[in-house]
Structure formats: structure tokens, C-alpha cells
């Protein structure tokens, strides 16, 4: 497979997954604010921090309010991580590889993009935000289903898996990191009465609430961290994502699992192994924020290595690191 084709499939999948994640935690925050007896505006800034675009947001919008945050994360064309920007890039990547992906995949990406552009023109996200963000999640999940049903399990499919799973792993760590930061800050101020609401929102941000309750029952911060980071069966847990990404990476290269022949395989294998042998007690002992921050750095390094191994024009060429990792 040509490197440009693999690159386009990888980023097409990664940006669609990102758009879905942004829509999910905006919608969850809207629902959560209905139950929290606090000033609503104070609960919007964590969403901007989650995306890694806090400095850009403050420079352009100033105060974090419901309207400014939703607009910035949803329709702002100058924000590379807004839903509209993600879908614009994803659609362009899909257009360049129409001869490789299925017709149904292209049609769904195109419909997804046109739905969001129409909503931007009509201010739909401001008038009926719950319906809009639910439609965004559904469109992303429909793309995943169409892809699984119509795309051959060849190199292209594995690059699609690689992009989707690495993005999902990154999003889970960021949601957990930012939400935990504010939860711990509330505890310091003696505002722990609403912990269950806050932790429920953390789980719902990752679409993990029902599966967590089946596994662990009552809400517990340690069990929630363990479930979202170390679970091997839940599809949005970081460990599950890294296991799947490693399998797809080795399917592309033909290297036996447990060994490596390039830096991408080495870094991803090391990171997956680190989580495989980690315990939640070790994570909290080291400091949850510090552990998650280190995990995000290592995910970025995996992305760098994938670029160098498969997409770079020259072996030593490096992609510039953006605020959320190594994006083109």
C-alpha cells in the first residue's frame, strides 16, 4: 500500500473518532449541569482543557461560557480540534482514497460532514444541543459500522484500526485527567457531596457507565480509574485500545507479536506492556495526574514513530508536534 494512502486512511479514522469524543463530553456536560447546584459557567472550562486548546480559546474568546465553549469546540474553523474542522479533514482524506475505501464509507463521511455544516449555518447546536450531539455520535458510530461491514481486512483496514484506537486511547486519558483534576479540587474545598454525579459524568464521557456498573457495581474512584485505563474487555479502555492497535500494527508489518523490527512496534509494545503489568494502586501511588500525563506523552511518541515508519518521505523526517500530539 502506498504511504499516502495509508496516511489518509489513518487520519480519516482518527479525526472521525475525535469528532465523536468531543460531541460526547459536551453533551454529557450539558446533562450534568442540570444536577449540579453550582454556577454553570464554571463547569465549561474543563472541556476546553480536555482538548488541549485552552490557550487558544482564552486568546480568542476569554471567558468560558456555554455559548463560547460550544461554538469553539463545535463550529470554529480556526480550531483544528473542533468537530467541524475534524470532519473537514476527515472528508478530504476520504476523498483522496475513494478508490480504496468502500462507496458506503465515502457516502457516510460526506453525509456526516454536510450534516455538521448545515447545523453550523442554522445554529442548531445552540437551539437543540442534545439532539445535535446525539446525531454526531450516531453518525460516527454508523461510519464505524459501515466500515466494519464493507471494508476488506487488509492493510487499509488495519491502518484505520490503528488510527481509531490510538485516538480513542488518547481521548480516554484526557477526559479522565481533566475531570479528576477538578474533582480533586472540589474535594480540597470540601465540596464532595456531588462526587457520584461527577464520577458518573466521567464514565458517561467515555460511554462506560453501564459496562462499569456491570463489572464493579457502586461508583468508586479507584475502580473507575482501573476500568478506564486497565480493563481488557471494554472497547474504550486505554489498555483494550492499545492491545487492538498493537495487533493491527503487527498485522501490517508481519512481525510476530512480542517482538519488534521498527521503532513504532517497540514504542507501542513497551506502552502496552507497561499498562498490562500496572495496578491501580501503583497508579495512585505515583500520582494519577502524573501517570496520565506520562501516558499521553508516550502515546504522542507512538504517533511520531508511526509517522516516521510508514508516512514520512525520508526516514529521519519528523512531524511537528501540535498541542494534542503529532498531527499533520
Protein backbone atom coordinates (compact mmCIF):
# COMPACT_ATOMS: atom_id res chain seq x y z
CA UNK A 1 0.00 0.00 0.00
CA UNK A 2 1.24 3.50 -0.86
CA UNK A 3 2.26 5.52 2.19
CA UNK A 4 -0.01 8.43 1.17
CA UNK A 5 -3.00 6.05 1.05
CA UNK A 6 -2.19 4.57 4.45
CA UNK A 7 -1.69 8.08 5.84
CA UNK A 8 -5.10 9.26 4.56
CA UNK A 9 -6.94 6.22 5.93
CA UNK A 10 -5.19 6.58 9.31
CA UNK A 11 -6.14 10.25 9.71
CA UNK A 12 -9.62 9.83 8.26
CA UNK A 13 -10.39 7.37 11.02
CA UNK A 14 -8.58 9.31 13.74
CA UNK A 15 -10.39 12.58 13.10
CA UNK A 16 -13.83 10.95 12.99
CA UNK A 17 -13.13 9.34 16.35
CA UNK A 18 -12.06 12.72 17.71
CA UNK A 19 -15.24 14.43 16.49
CA UNK A 20 -17.33 11.81 18.26
CA UNK A 21 -15.38 12.18 21.50
CA UNK A 22 -15.78 15.97 21.53
CA UNK A 23 -19.54 15.64 20.95
CA UNK A 24 -19.84 13.07 23.72
CA UNK A 25 -18.29 15.04 26.55
CA UNK A 26 -20.05 18.29 25.55
CA UNK A 27 -23.42 16.53 25.69
CA UNK A 28 -22.59 14.80 28.97
CA UNK A 29 -21.61 18.14 30.48
CA UNK A 30 -24.95 19.63 29.43
CA UNK A 31 -26.80 16.86 31.24
CA UNK A 32 -24.55 17.05 34.30
CA UNK A 33 -25.16 20.77 34.79
CA UNK A 34 -28.85 20.06 35.28
CA UNK A 35 -27.99 18.22 38.51
CA UNK A 36 -25.18 20.36 39.92
CA UNK A 37 -26.11 23.32 42.19
CA UNK A 38 -23.15 25.43 41.01
CA UNK A 39 -22.62 28.27 38.58
CA UNK A 40 -22.85 26.69 35.14
CA UNK A 41 -20.06 28.72 33.53
CA UNK A 42 -17.53 27.31 35.98
CA UNK A 43 -18.11 23.83 34.56
CA UNK A 44 -17.30 24.62 30.92
CA UNK A 45 -13.60 25.38 31.10
CA UNK A 46 -12.57 21.72 31.75
CA UNK A 47 -13.91 20.80 28.30
CA UNK A 48 -11.50 23.19 26.60
CA UNK A 49 -8.64 21.89 28.73
CA UNK A 50 -9.51 18.34 27.68
CA UNK A 51 -8.88 19.13 24.02
CA UNK A 52 -5.51 20.77 24.73
CA UNK A 53 -6.59 24.10 23.19
CA UNK A 54 -7.04 26.12 26.36
CA UNK A 55 -4.54 28.85 25.48
CA UNK A 56 -6.02 29.35 22.02
CA UNK A 57 -9.52 29.54 23.46
CA UNK A 58 -8.59 32.13 26.10
CA UNK A 59 -6.83 34.29 23.49
CA UNK A 60 -9.86 34.34 21.21
CA UNK A 61 -12.89 34.04 23.50
CA UNK A 62 -11.78 34.93 27.01
CA UNK A 63 -14.32 33.65 29.49
CA UNK A 64 -15.55 30.06 29.22
CA UNK A 65 -19.34 30.08 28.94
CA UNK A 66 -21.80 27.61 27.49
CA UNK A 67 -22.07 29.52 24.22
CA UNK A 68 -18.37 30.26 23.71
CA UNK A 69 -17.19 26.74 24.54
CA UNK A 70 -19.81 25.02 22.39
CA UNK A 71 -19.05 27.32 19.48
CA UNK A 72 -15.28 26.86 19.85
CA UNK A 73 -15.41 23.07 20.14
CA UNK A 74 -18.13 22.53 17.55
CA UNK A 75 -18.02 25.01 14.66
CA UNK A 76 -14.86 27.11 14.97
CA UNK A 77 -12.97 26.59 11.72
CA UNK A 78 -9.78 28.03 13.22
CA UNK A 79 -9.77 25.44 16.00
CA UNK A 80 -8.16 22.32 14.47
CA UNK A 81 -9.87 20.11 17.04
CA UNK A 82 -13.43 21.40 16.59
CA UNK A 83 -16.00 18.92 15.28
CA UNK A 84 -16.30 20.86 12.01
CA UNK A 85 -12.52 21.00 11.48
CA UNK A 86 -12.11 17.30 12.26
CA UNK A 87 -14.78 16.33 9.75
CA UNK A 88 -13.41 18.66 7.09
CA UNK A 89 -10.00 16.98 7.32
CA UNK A 90 -11.54 13.51 7.54
CA UNK A 91 -13.69 14.09 4.45
CA UNK A 92 -10.71 15.38 2.46
CA UNK A 93 -8.67 12.32 3.44
CA UNK A 94 -11.55 10.06 2.43
CA UNK A 95 -11.89 11.86 -0.92
CA UNK A 96 -8.27 11.20 -1.80
CA UNK A 97 -8.64 7.42 -1.23
CA UNK A 98 -12.09 6.81 -2.70
CA UNK A 99 -10.63 4.05 -4.87
CA UNK A 100 -9.53 2.17 -1.73
CA UNK A 101 -12.44 2.61 0.70
CA UNK A 102 -15.98 1.41 0.01
CA UNK A 103 -18.65 3.59 -1.57
CA UNK A 104 -20.69 3.34 1.63
CA UNK A 105 -17.80 4.67 3.70
CA UNK A 106 -17.37 7.69 1.44
CA UNK A 107 -21.11 8.42 1.45
CA UNK A 108 -21.27 8.28 5.23
CA UNK A 109 -18.27 10.58 5.71
CA UNK A 110 -19.78 13.03 3.23
CA UNK A 111 -23.23 12.93 4.87
CA UNK A 112 -21.61 13.41 8.27
CA UNK A 113 -19.72 16.50 7.12
CA UNK A 114 -22.75 18.01 5.37
CA UNK A 115 -24.90 17.46 8.47
CA UNK A 116 -22.47 19.42 10.64
CA UNK A 117 -22.00 22.24 8.10
CA UNK A 118 -25.79 22.60 7.85
CA UNK A 119 -26.05 22.73 11.64
CA UNK A 120 -23.36 25.43 11.73
CA UNK A 121 -25.39 27.58 9.36
CA UNK A 122 -28.65 27.07 11.24
CA UNK A 123 -27.28 27.42 14.81
CA UNK A 124 -28.87 24.04 15.56
CA UNK A 125 -26.29 23.14 18.20
CA UNK A 126 -27.27 26.21 20.21
CA UNK A 127 -31.03 25.73 19.85
CA UNK A 128 -31.24 21.95 20.46
CA UNK A 129 -27.76 20.83 21.54
CA UNK A 130 -28.74 17.41 22.90
CA UNK A 131 -30.29 16.31 19.61
CA UNK A 132 -27.35 17.63 17.59
CA UNK A 133 -24.60 15.99 19.63
CA UNK A 134 -26.55 12.74 19.73
CA UNK A 135 -26.69 12.84 15.92
CA UNK A 136 -22.92 13.41 15.78
CA UNK A 137 -22.24 10.36 17.93
CA UNK A 138 -24.66 8.29 15.89
CA UNK A 139 -23.08 9.38 12.60
CA UNK A 140 -19.62 8.41 13.86
CA UNK A 141 -20.80 5.04 15.09
CA UNK A 142 -22.60 4.48 11.79
CA UNK A 143 -19.34 5.13 9.95
CA UNK A 144 -17.59 2.55 12.15
CA UNK A 145 -20.33 0.02 11.49
CA UNK A 146 -20.33 0.63 7.74
CA UNK A 147 -16.55 0.32 7.67
CA UNK A 148 -16.57 -2.99 9.53
CA UNK A 149 -19.30 -4.31 7.21
CA UNK A 150 -17.84 -3.20 3.86
CA UNK A 151 -14.03 -2.93 4.10
CA UNK A 152 -11.72 -5.87 3.47
CA UNK A 153 -9.48 -6.86 6.38
CA UNK A 154 -6.33 -5.80 4.58
CA UNK A 155 -3.62 -3.24 5.29
CA UNK A 156 -6.03 -0.35 4.80
CA UNK A 157 -8.40 -1.71 7.44
CA UNK A 158 -5.55 -2.16 9.91
CA UNK A 159 -4.36 1.42 9.39
CA UNK A 160 -7.94 2.53 10.02
CA UNK A 161 -7.98 0.48 13.25
CA UNK A 162 -4.62 1.89 14.28
CA UNK A 163 -5.79 5.50 13.92
CA UNK A 164 -9.15 4.95 15.62
CA UNK A 165 -7.77 3.04 18.60
CA UNK A 166 -4.84 5.36 19.30
CA UNK A 167 -7.17 8.37 19.17
CA UNK A 168 -9.65 6.65 21.47
CA UNK A 169 -6.91 5.77 23.96
CA UNK A 170 -5.74 9.40 23.94
CA UNK A 171 -9.26 10.75 24.46
CA UNK A 172 -9.92 8.44 27.41
CA UNK A 173 -6.78 9.55 29.23
CA UNK A 174 -7.54 13.24 28.64
CA UNK A 175 -11.13 13.00 29.81
CA UNK A 176 -10.07 11.15 32.95
CA UNK A 177 -7.16 13.51 33.66
CA UNK A 178 -9.11 16.76 33.39
CA UNK A 179 -12.21 15.52 35.15
CA UNK A 180 -10.17 14.06 38.02
CA UNK A 181 -8.26 17.33 38.39
CA UNK A 182 -11.48 19.24 39.03
CA UNK A 183 -12.96 16.51 41.20
CA UNK A 184 -9.91 16.56 43.47
CA UNK A 185 -10.03 20.36 43.58
CA UNK A 186 -13.65 20.15 44.75
CA UNK A 187 -12.68 17.72 47.47
CA UNK A 188 -10.00 20.12 48.75
CA UNK A 189 -12.65 22.84 49.00
CA UNK A 190 -14.94 20.47 50.90
CA UNK A 191 -17.45 20.17 48.05
CA UNK A 192 -17.53 16.39 47.86
CA UNK A 193 -21.30 15.97 48.22
CA UNK A 194 -21.77 15.59 44.48
CA UNK A 195 -18.97 13.10 43.81
CA UNK A 196 -21.31 10.45 42.41
CA UNK A 197 -22.69 12.91 39.85
CA UNK A 198 -19.19 13.94 38.84
CA UNK A 199 -17.84 10.40 38.57
CA UNK A 200 -20.92 9.30 36.67
CA UNK A 201 -20.16 12.07 34.19
CA UNK A 202 -16.59 10.78 33.83
CA UNK A 203 -17.93 7.33 32.91
CA UNK A 204 -20.60 8.69 30.58
CA UNK A 205 -17.99 10.82 28.81
CA UNK A 206 -16.38 7.55 27.77
CA UNK A 207 -19.71 5.74 27.18
CA UNK A 208 -18.67 3.45 30.03
CA UNK A 209 -21.37 3.87 32.68
CA UNK A 210 -23.43 0.72 32.07
CA UNK A 211 -20.44 -1.56 31.46
CA UNK A 212 -18.73 -0.24 34.60
CA UNK A 213 -21.81 -0.91 36.74
CA UNK A 214 -21.99 -4.46 35.43
CA UNK A 215 -18.35 -5.05 36.33
CA UNK A 216 -17.91 -3.10 39.58
CA UNK A 217 -21.35 -2.04 40.84
CA UNK A 218 -21.12 1.03 43.14
CA UNK A 219 -19.14 4.05 42.00
CA UNK A 220 -15.59 4.13 43.30
CA UNK A 221 -12.82 6.46 42.06
CA UNK A 222 -10.21 3.69 42.14
CA UNK A 223 -12.44 1.22 40.33
CA UNK A 224 -13.35 3.85 37.72
CA UNK A 225 -9.68 4.61 37.04
CA UNK A 226 -8.90 0.91 36.84
CA UNK A 227 -11.81 0.29 34.45
CA UNK A 228 -10.99 3.17 32.08
CA UNK A 229 -7.25 2.54 31.99
CA UNK A 230 -6.60 -1.16 32.59
CA UNK A 231 -9.69 -3.12 31.53
CA UNK A 232 -9.03 -5.62 28.74
CA UNK A 233 -12.65 -6.08 27.61
CA UNK A 234 -14.21 -2.60 27.50
CA UNK A 235 -13.61 -1.13 23.99
CA UNK A 236 -12.82 2.41 25.20
CA UNK A 237 -10.43 1.41 27.96
CA UNK A 238 -6.88 2.51 27.21
CA UNK A 239 -5.44 -0.98 27.66
CA UNK A 240 -8.02 -2.52 25.30
CA UNK A 241 -7.26 0.14 22.66
CA UNK A 242 -3.51 -0.41 22.87
CA UNK A 243 -3.93 -4.18 22.58
CA UNK A 244 -6.00 -3.77 19.42
CA UNK A 245 -3.65 -1.15 17.97
CA UNK A 246 -0.66 -3.43 18.55
CA UNK A 247 -2.38 -6.33 16.79
CA UNK A 248 -3.15 -4.14 13.75
CA UNK A 249 0.36 -2.72 13.66
CA UNK A 250 1.86 -6.21 13.61
CA UNK A 251 -0.66 -7.34 11.00
CA UNK A 252 0.66 -4.58 8.73
CA UNK A 253 4.35 -5.38 9.26
CA UNK A 254 4.09 -9.15 9.62
CA UNK A 255 6.24 -9.06 12.75
CA UNK A 256 5.40 -11.63 15.43
CA UNK A 257 3.64 -10.21 18.48
CA UNK A 258 6.06 -9.80 21.38
CA UNK A 259 8.92 -8.82 19.07
CA UNK A 260 9.71 -5.68 17.09
CA UNK A 261 11.53 -4.64 13.91
CA UNK A 262 10.91 -0.88 13.97
CA UNK A 263 10.52 1.95 16.47
CA UNK A 264 6.72 2.06 16.14
CA UNK A 265 6.40 -1.58 17.21
CA UNK A 266 8.91 -1.05 20.00
CA UNK A 267 7.21 2.02 21.50
CA UNK A 268 3.69 0.64 21.23
CA UNK A 269 4.76 -2.71 22.68
CA UNK A 270 6.52 -1.03 25.59
CA UNK A 271 3.48 1.12 26.36
CA UNK A 272 1.06 -1.78 26.11
CA UNK A 273 3.30 -3.87 28.39
CA UNK A 274 3.55 -1.06 30.92
CA UNK A 275 -0.23 -0.98 31.28
CA UNK A 276 -0.51 -4.77 31.24
CA UNK A 277 1.60 -5.00 34.39
CA UNK A 278 0.32 -1.84 36.11
CA UNK A 279 -2.07 -1.85 39.05
CA UNK A 280 -4.42 0.89 40.16
CA UNK A 281 -2.52 1.06 43.46
CA UNK A 282 0.71 1.77 41.60
CA UNK A 283 -1.05 4.47 39.56
CA UNK A 284 -2.38 6.32 42.60
CA UNK A 285 0.90 5.89 44.44
CA UNK A 286 2.75 7.58 41.60
CA UNK A 287 0.06 10.27 41.30
CA UNK A 288 -2.88 9.94 38.91
CA UNK A 289 -2.22 13.18 37.05
CA UNK A 290 1.48 12.41 36.69
CA UNK A 291 0.74 8.91 35.41
CA UNK A 292 -1.80 10.16 32.85
CA UNK A 293 0.47 12.97 31.72
CA UNK A 294 3.26 10.47 31.10
CA UNK A 295 0.86 8.17 29.28
CA UNK A 296 -0.21 10.96 26.92
CA UNK A 297 3.43 11.80 26.16
CA UNK A 298 4.12 8.15 25.32
CA UNK A 299 1.03 7.99 23.07
CA UNK A 300 2.37 11.01 21.21
CA UNK A 301 5.72 9.26 20.82
CA UNK A 302 3.93 6.24 19.36
CA UNK A 303 2.24 8.57 16.87
CA UNK A 304 5.62 10.08 15.96
CA UNK A 305 7.07 6.62 15.40
CA UNK A 306 4.15 5.55 13.19
CA UNK A 307 4.66 8.66 11.06
CA UNK A 308 8.39 8.04 10.73
CA UNK A 309 7.93 4.34 9.95
CA UNK A 310 5.09 4.50 7.43
CA UNK A 311 4.30 8.03 6.26
CA UNK A 312 7.49 10.14 6.25
CA UNK A 313 9.13 10.89 2.91
CA UNK A 314 12.57 10.50 4.49
CA UNK A 315 13.46 8.08 7.31
CA UNK A 316 14.54 10.86 9.68
CA UNK A 317 11.79 13.37 8.86
CA UNK A 318 9.73 14.41 11.87
CA UNK A 319 6.19 15.73 12.02
CA UNK A 320 5.70 18.90 14.05
CA UNK A 321 4.11 18.23 17.42
CA UNK A 322 0.87 20.08 17.96
CA UNK A 323 -0.93 20.77 21.24
CA UNK A 324 -2.56 17.33 21.18
CA UNK A 325 0.27 15.27 19.75
CA UNK A 326 1.82 14.65 16.39
CA UNK A 327 -0.80 15.75 13.92
CA UNK A 328 -0.20 16.80 10.30
